[in-house]
């Protein structure tokens, strides 16, 4: 998993809290989602946005 920090919104030193905007990138391989690129126009990867298209692990 990778975290890309976009913006620090605020820091509360007294309560040790930071508020920020960030992008999360996580990748995993699942043999059930593999295909032969030669059969599908040499497409080697696809992206899914958040939603119910495919199961995604809960990240807190």
C-alpha atoms as a PDB file:
ATOM      1  CA  UNK A   1       0.000   0.000   0.000  1.00  0.00           C
ATOM      2  CA  UNK A   2       1.176   3.530  -0.753  1.00  0.00           C
ATOM      3  CA  UNK A   3      -0.061   6.832   0.653  1.00  0.00           C
ATOM      4  CA  UNK A   4       0.302  10.022  -1.364  1.00  0.00           C
ATOM      5  CA  UNK A   5      -0.036  13.102   0.830  1.00  0.00           C
ATOM      6  CA  UNK A   6      -1.923  15.851  -1.009  1.00  0.00           C
ATOM      7  CA  UNK A   7      -2.575  18.484   1.641  1.00  0.00           C
ATOM      8  CA  UNK A   8      -2.211  19.067   5.381  1.00  0.00           C
ATOM      9  CA  UNK A   9      -5.469  20.676   6.469  1.00  0.00           C
ATOM     10  CA  UNK A  10      -4.752  21.145  10.149  1.00  0.00           C
ATOM     11  CA  UNK A  11      -2.661  20.050  13.120  1.00  0.00           C
ATOM     12  CA  UNK A  12      -3.907  19.926  16.718  1.00  0.00           C
ATOM     13  CA  UNK A  13      -0.741  19.458  18.765  1.00  0.00           C
ATOM     14  CA  UNK A  14      -2.561  19.407  22.099  1.00  0.00           C
ATOM     15  CA  UNK A  15      -4.766  16.449  21.094  1.00  0.00           C
ATOM     16  CA  UNK A  16      -2.143  14.960  18.750  1.00  0.00           C
ATOM     17  CA  UNK A  17      -4.493  14.989  15.761  1.00  0.00           C
ATOM     18  CA  UNK A  18      -3.672  15.779  12.138  1.00  0.00           C
ATOM     19  CA  UNK A  19      -6.228  16.280   9.381  1.00  0.00           C
ATOM     20  CA  UNK A  20      -5.101  15.728   5.794  1.00  0.00           C
ATOM     21  CA  UNK A  21      -6.069  14.818   2.250  1.00  0.00           C
ATOM     22  CA  UNK A  22      -4.313  11.794   0.778  1.00  0.00           C
ATOM     23  CA  UNK A  23      -4.595   9.200  -1.977  1.00  0.00           C
ATOM     24  CA  UNK A  24      -4.314   5.520  -1.063  1.00  0.00           C
ATOM     25  CA  UNK A  25      -2.968   3.063  -3.593  1.00  0.00           C
ATOM     26  CA  UNK A  26      -3.087  -0.631  -2.867  1.00  0.00           C
ATOM     27  CA  UNK A  27      -2.443  -3.493  -5.242  1.00  0.00           C
ATOM     28  CA  UNK A  28      -2.856  -7.222  -4.956  1.00  0.00           C
ATOM     29  CA  UNK A  29      -2.758 -10.116  -7.389  1.00  0.00           C
ATOM     30  CA  UNK A  30      -5.614 -12.600  -7.731  1.00  0.00           C
ATOM     31  CA  UNK A  31      -5.279 -15.419 -10.249  1.00  0.00           C
ATOM     32  CA  UNK A  32      -9.079 -15.359 -10.745  1.00  0.00           C
ATOM     33  CA  UNK A  33      -8.766 -11.883 -12.248  1.00  0.00           C
ATOM     34  CA  UNK A  34      -6.050 -12.720 -14.765  1.00  0.00           C
ATOM     35  CA  UNK A  35      -6.310 -13.079 -18.531  1.00  0.00           C
ATOM     36  CA  UNK A  36      -4.173 -13.520 -21.607  1.00  0.00           C
ATOM     37  CA  UNK A  37      -3.448  -9.999 -22.962  1.00  0.00           C
ATOM     38  CA  UNK A  38      -2.997 -11.392 -26.500  1.00  0.00           C
ATOM     39  CA  UNK A  39      -6.686 -12.396 -26.519  1.00  0.00           C
ATOM     40  CA  UNK A  40      -7.886  -8.972 -25.367  1.00  0.00           C
ATOM     41  CA  UNK A  41      -6.112  -6.380 -27.492  1.00  0.00           C
ATOM     42  CA  UNK A  42      -2.906  -6.503 -25.416  1.00  0.00           C
ATOM     43  CA  UNK A  43      -4.708  -4.994 -22.409  1.00  0.00           C
ATOM     44  CA  UNK A  44      -2.475  -5.817 -19.451  1.00  0.00           C
ATOM     45  CA  UNK A  45      -4.182  -3.970 -16.599  1.00  0.00           C
ATOM     46  CA  UNK A  46      -7.449  -2.311 -15.656  1.00  0.00           C
ATOM     47  CA  UNK A  47      -8.496   0.147 -12.953  1.00  0.00           C
ATOM     48  CA  UNK A  48     -11.590  -0.006 -10.805  1.00  0.00           C
ATOM     49  CA  UNK A  49     -12.985   2.957  -8.922  1.00  0.00           C
ATOM     50  CA  UNK A  50     -14.418   2.524  -5.450  1.00  0.00           C
ATOM     51  CA  UNK A  51     -17.723   0.740  -5.447  1.00  0.00           C
ATOM     52  CA  UNK A  52     -19.189  -2.727  -5.620  1.00  0.00           C
ATOM     53  CA  UNK A  53     -17.617  -3.805  -8.914  1.00  0.00           C
ATOM     54  CA  UNK A  54     -15.077  -5.992  -7.158  1.00  0.00           C
ATOM     55  CA  UNK A  55     -14.347  -6.875  -3.534  1.00  0.00           C
ATOM     56  CA  UNK A  56     -11.923  -4.541  -1.795  1.00  0.00           C
ATOM     57  CA  UNK A  57     -10.446  -5.066   1.667  1.00  0.00           C
ATOM     58  CA  UNK A  58     -11.549  -2.680   4.406  1.00  0.00           C
ATOM     59  CA  UNK A  59      -8.778  -0.228   5.250  1.00  0.00           C
ATOM     60  CA  UNK A  60      -9.160   1.853   8.378  1.00  0.00           C
END
